[in-house]
Amino acid sequence: MARMFRVLGFWTLVIGLMAYAGHMIEMAILFFAQTAVFVLLGYLNFSERTYILMFWGYMILSFAGFTYWSVFEMGLPF
């Protein structure tokens, strides 16, 4: 399970690099921060239950943040 967090770190790094190449600096910084957290957590060797709980927490937080941003911050497409 720890290896999967390192895989998540790899993919967030790839997405961050693509965002940086596309001049989306804020998005790139967000994904670079996620990369650092995922790689760090991947080397801490927690139990499998702990990794699953952390991933669920991450998913709930990211979905809530995405929903908030898309509803309240983006505005209506007119």
N, C-alpha and C. Protein backbone atom coordinates (compact mmCIF):
# COMPACT_ATOMS: atom_id res chain seq x y z
N MET A 1 0.82 -1.19 0.00
CA MET A 1 0.00 0.00 0.00
C MET A 1 0.87 1.26 0.00
N ALA A 2 2.00 1.18 0.66
CA ALA A 2 2.91 2.34 0.66
C ALA A 2 3.39 2.65 -0.75
N ARG A 3 3.58 1.61 -1.55
CA ARG A 3 4.03 1.81 -2.92
C ARG A 3 2.98 2.56 -3.74
N MET A 4 1.71 2.35 -3.45
CA MET A 4 0.66 3.05 -4.20
C MET A 4 0.68 4.55 -3.91
N PHE A 5 1.06 4.94 -2.71
CA PHE A 5 1.18 6.37 -2.43
C PHE A 5 2.36 6.96 -3.20
N ARG A 6 3.42 6.20 -3.38
CA ARG A 6 4.52 6.67 -4.22
C ARG A 6 4.10 6.76 -5.68
N VAL A 7 3.24 5.84 -6.12
CA VAL A 7 2.69 5.91 -7.49
C VAL A 7 1.82 7.15 -7.63
N LEU A 8 0.99 7.44 -6.63
CA LEU A 8 0.19 8.67 -6.65
C LEU A 8 1.10 9.89 -6.72
N GLY A 9 2.21 9.85 -6.00
CA GLY A 9 3.18 10.95 -6.06
C GLY A 9 3.75 11.11 -7.45
N PHE A 10 4.04 10.01 -8.11
CA PHE A 10 4.56 10.08 -9.48
C PHE A 10 3.55 10.74 -10.41
N TRP A 11 2.27 10.31 -10.33
CA TRP A 11 1.28 10.85 -11.25
C TRP A 11 0.95 12.31 -10.94
N THR A 12 0.96 12.69 -9.67
CA THR A 12 0.74 14.11 -9.37
C THR A 12 1.93 14.93 -9.85
N LEU A 13 3.13 14.36 -9.83
CA LEU A 13 4.29 15.06 -10.38
C LEU A 13 4.13 15.26 -11.88
N VAL A 14 3.67 14.22 -12.58
CA VAL A 14 3.46 14.33 -14.03
C VAL A 14 2.43 15.41 -14.34
N ILE A 15 1.32 15.41 -13.60
CA ILE A 15 0.28 16.42 -13.82
C ILE A 15 0.81 17.80 -13.49
N GLY A 16 1.59 17.92 -12.43
CA GLY A 16 2.18 19.21 -12.07
C GLY A 16 3.13 19.73 -13.13
N LEU A 17 3.93 18.85 -13.71
CA LEU A 17 4.84 19.26 -14.77
C LEU A 17 4.09 19.70 -16.02
N MET A 18 3.01 18.98 -16.35
CA MET A 18 2.21 19.39 -17.51
C MET A 18 1.54 20.74 -17.25
N ALA A 19 1.06 20.96 -16.03
CA ALA A 19 0.45 22.25 -15.70
C ALA A 19 1.49 23.36 -15.77
N TYR A 20 2.70 23.08 -15.29
CA TYR A 20 3.77 24.08 -15.37
C TYR A 20 4.13 24.40 -16.82
N ALA A 21 4.18 23.37 -17.66
CA ALA A 21 4.48 23.58 -19.08
C ALA A 21 3.37 24.37 -19.76
N GLY A 22 2.15 24.26 -19.25
CA GLY A 22 1.02 25.00 -19.81
C GLY A 22 0.81 26.35 -19.17
N HIS A 23 1.79 26.82 -18.39
CA HIS A 23 1.76 28.13 -17.74
C HIS A 23 0.60 28.28 -16.76
N MET A 24 0.21 27.17 -16.11
CA MET A 24 -0.80 27.20 -15.05
C MET A 24 -0.06 27.03 -13.72
N ILE A 25 0.56 28.10 -13.27
CA ILE A 25 1.49 28.04 -12.15
C ILE A 25 0.80 27.63 -10.85
N GLU A 26 -0.40 28.17 -10.57
CA GLU A 26 -1.08 27.84 -9.32
C GLU A 26 -1.42 26.36 -9.25
N MET A 27 -1.90 25.82 -10.35
CA MET A 27 -2.21 24.39 -10.41
C MET A 27 -0.95 23.55 -10.25
N ALA A 28 0.12 23.98 -10.87
CA ALA A 28 1.39 23.25 -10.78
C ALA A 28 1.89 23.22 -9.34
N ILE A 29 1.80 24.34 -8.65
CA ILE A 29 2.25 24.38 -7.25
C ILE A 29 1.40 23.47 -6.39
N LEU A 30 0.09 23.46 -6.62
CA LEU A 30 -0.81 22.58 -5.87
C LEU A 30 -0.43 21.12 -6.08
N PHE A 31 -0.15 20.73 -7.31
CA PHE A 31 0.19 19.34 -7.58
C PHE A 31 1.60 18.99 -7.12
N PHE A 32 2.52 19.94 -7.14
CA PHE A 32 3.85 19.67 -6.58
C PHE A 32 3.77 19.45 -5.08
N ALA A 33 2.90 20.20 -4.40
CA ALA A 33 2.71 20.01 -2.96
C ALA A 33 2.11 18.63 -2.69
N GLN A 34 1.14 18.23 -3.50
CA GLN A 34 0.55 16.91 -3.34
C GLN A 34 1.60 15.82 -3.59
N THR A 35 2.47 16.04 -4.55
CA THR A 35 3.54 15.08 -4.83
C THR A 35 4.42 14.89 -3.60
N ALA A 36 4.81 15.99 -2.99
CA ALA A 36 5.68 15.91 -1.80
C ALA A 36 4.98 15.14 -0.68
N VAL A 37 3.70 15.41 -0.46
CA VAL A 37 2.96 14.74 0.61
C VAL A 37 2.82 13.25 0.31
N PHE A 38 2.45 12.90 -0.92
CA PHE A 38 2.27 11.49 -1.26
C PHE A 38 3.57 10.72 -1.16
N VAL A 39 4.66 11.28 -1.64
CA VAL A 39 5.94 10.57 -1.58
C VAL A 39 6.39 10.44 -0.13
N LEU A 40 6.22 11.48 0.67
CA LEU A 40 6.57 11.40 2.10
C LEU A 40 5.76 10.31 2.79
N LEU A 41 4.45 10.30 2.56
CA LEU A 41 3.61 9.29 3.19
C LEU A 41 3.94 7.89 2.68
N GLY A 42 4.39 7.79 1.44
CA GLY A 42 4.74 6.50 0.88
C GLY A 42 5.94 5.87 1.53
N TYR A 43 6.82 6.67 2.11
CA TYR A 43 8.01 6.13 2.75
C TYR A 43 7.87 6.00 4.26
N LEU A 44 6.72 6.29 4.83
CA LEU A 44 6.53 6.18 6.28
C LEU A 44 6.10 4.80 6.73
N ASN A 45 5.68 3.95 5.80
CA ASN A 45 5.32 2.55 6.08
C ASN A 45 4.30 2.41 7.19
N PHE A 46 3.16 3.05 7.01
CA PHE A 46 2.04 2.88 7.93
C PHE A 46 1.36 1.55 7.64
N SER A 47 0.38 1.21 8.46
CA SER A 47 -0.39 -0.01 8.20
C SER A 47 -1.32 0.24 7.01
N GLU A 48 -1.82 -0.85 6.45
CA GLU A 48 -2.68 -0.73 5.29
C GLU A 48 -3.98 0.01 5.64
N ARG A 49 -4.50 -0.22 6.82
CA ARG A 49 -5.72 0.47 7.26
C ARG A 49 -5.48 1.98 7.35
N THR A 50 -4.33 2.38 7.85
CA THR A 50 -4.01 3.80 7.96
C THR A 50 -3.92 4.44 6.58
N TYR A 51 -3.29 3.75 5.64
CA TYR A 51 -3.20 4.29 4.28
C TYR A 51 -4.58 4.45 3.64
N ILE A 52 -5.45 3.47 3.86
CA ILE A 52 -6.80 3.56 3.29
C ILE A 52 -7.56 4.72 3.91
N LEU A 53 -7.47 4.89 5.23
CA LEU A 53 -8.15 6.00 5.89
C LEU A 53 -7.61 7.35 5.43
N MET A 54 -6.30 7.45 5.25
CA MET A 54 -5.72 8.70 4.76
C MET A 54 -6.18 8.99 3.34
N PHE A 55 -6.27 7.96 2.52
CA PHE A 55 -6.72 8.17 1.14
C PHE A 55 -8.17 8.62 1.11
N TRP A 56 -9.04 8.00 1.92
CA TRP A 56 -10.44 8.44 1.99
C TRP A 56 -10.53 9.88 2.46
N GLY A 57 -9.73 10.24 3.46
CA GLY A 57 -9.72 11.63 3.91
C GLY A 57 -9.29 12.58 2.81
N TYR A 58 -8.28 12.19 2.06
CA TYR A 58 -7.81 13.00 0.94
C TYR A 58 -8.90 13.16 -0.11
N MET A 59 -9.59 12.06 -0.44
CA MET A 59 -10.64 12.12 -1.45
C MET A 59 -11.80 13.01 -1.00
N ILE A 60 -12.21 12.89 0.25
CA ILE A 60 -13.31 13.71 0.76
C ILE A 60 -12.92 15.18 0.73
N LEU A 61 -11.71 15.48 1.18
CA LEU A 61 -11.24 16.87 1.19
C LEU A 61 -11.13 17.43 -0.23
N SER A 62 -10.58 16.65 -1.16
CA SER A 62 -10.42 17.16 -2.52
C SER A 62 -11.76 17.32 -3.23
N PHE A 63 -12.68 16.39 -3.04
CA PHE A 63 -14.00 16.52 -3.67
C PHE A 63 -14.77 17.69 -3.09
N ALA A 64 -14.68 17.89 -1.77
CA ALA A 64 -15.36 19.03 -1.16
C ALA A 64 -14.75 20.34 -1.66
N GLY A 65 -13.43 20.40 -1.77
CA GLY A 65 -12.78 21.60 -2.29
C GLY A 65 -13.13 21.87 -3.74
N PHE A 66 -13.15 20.82 -4.56
CA PHE A 66 -13.50 20.98 -5.96
C PHE A 66 -14.95 21.45 -6.11
N THR A 67 -15.84 20.86 -5.32
CA THR A 67 -17.25 21.25 -5.39
C THR A 67 -17.44 22.69 -4.95
N TYR A 68 -16.78 23.09 -3.86
CA TYR A 68 -16.87 24.47 -3.39
C TYR A 68 -16.37 25.42 -4.47
N TRP A 69 -15.21 25.12 -5.04
CA TRP A 69 -14.62 26.01 -6.05
C TRP A 69 -15.50 26.13 -7.28
N SER A 70 -16.00 24.99 -7.76
CA SER A 70 -16.79 25.03 -9.00
C SER A 70 -18.16 25.66 -8.79
N VAL A 71 -18.72 25.62 -7.59
CA VAL A 71 -20.04 26.19 -7.36
C VAL A 71 -19.95 27.66 -6.95
N PHE A 72 -19.06 27.99 -6.00
CA PHE A 72 -19.07 29.32 -5.40
C PHE A 72 -18.02 30.27 -5.96
N GLU A 73 -16.96 29.77 -6.54
CA GLU A 73 -15.86 30.65 -6.97
C GLU A 73 -15.82 30.89 -8.48
N MET A 74 -16.27 29.93 -9.28
CA MET A 74 -16.10 30.04 -10.73
C MET A 74 -17.13 30.98 -11.38
N GLY A 75 -18.29 31.08 -10.84
CA GLY A 75 -19.30 31.92 -11.46
C GLY A 75 -20.09 31.16 -12.51
N LEU A 76 -21.18 31.74 -12.92
CA LEU A 76 -22.05 31.10 -13.89
C LEU A 76 -21.57 31.33 -15.32
N PRO A 77 -21.62 30.31 -16.17
CA PRO A 77 -21.14 30.47 -17.55
C PRO A 77 -22.21 31.10 -18.45
N PHE A 78 -22.21 32.39 -18.55
CA PHE A 78 -23.19 33.08 -19.41
C PHE A 78 -22.55 33.57 -20.67
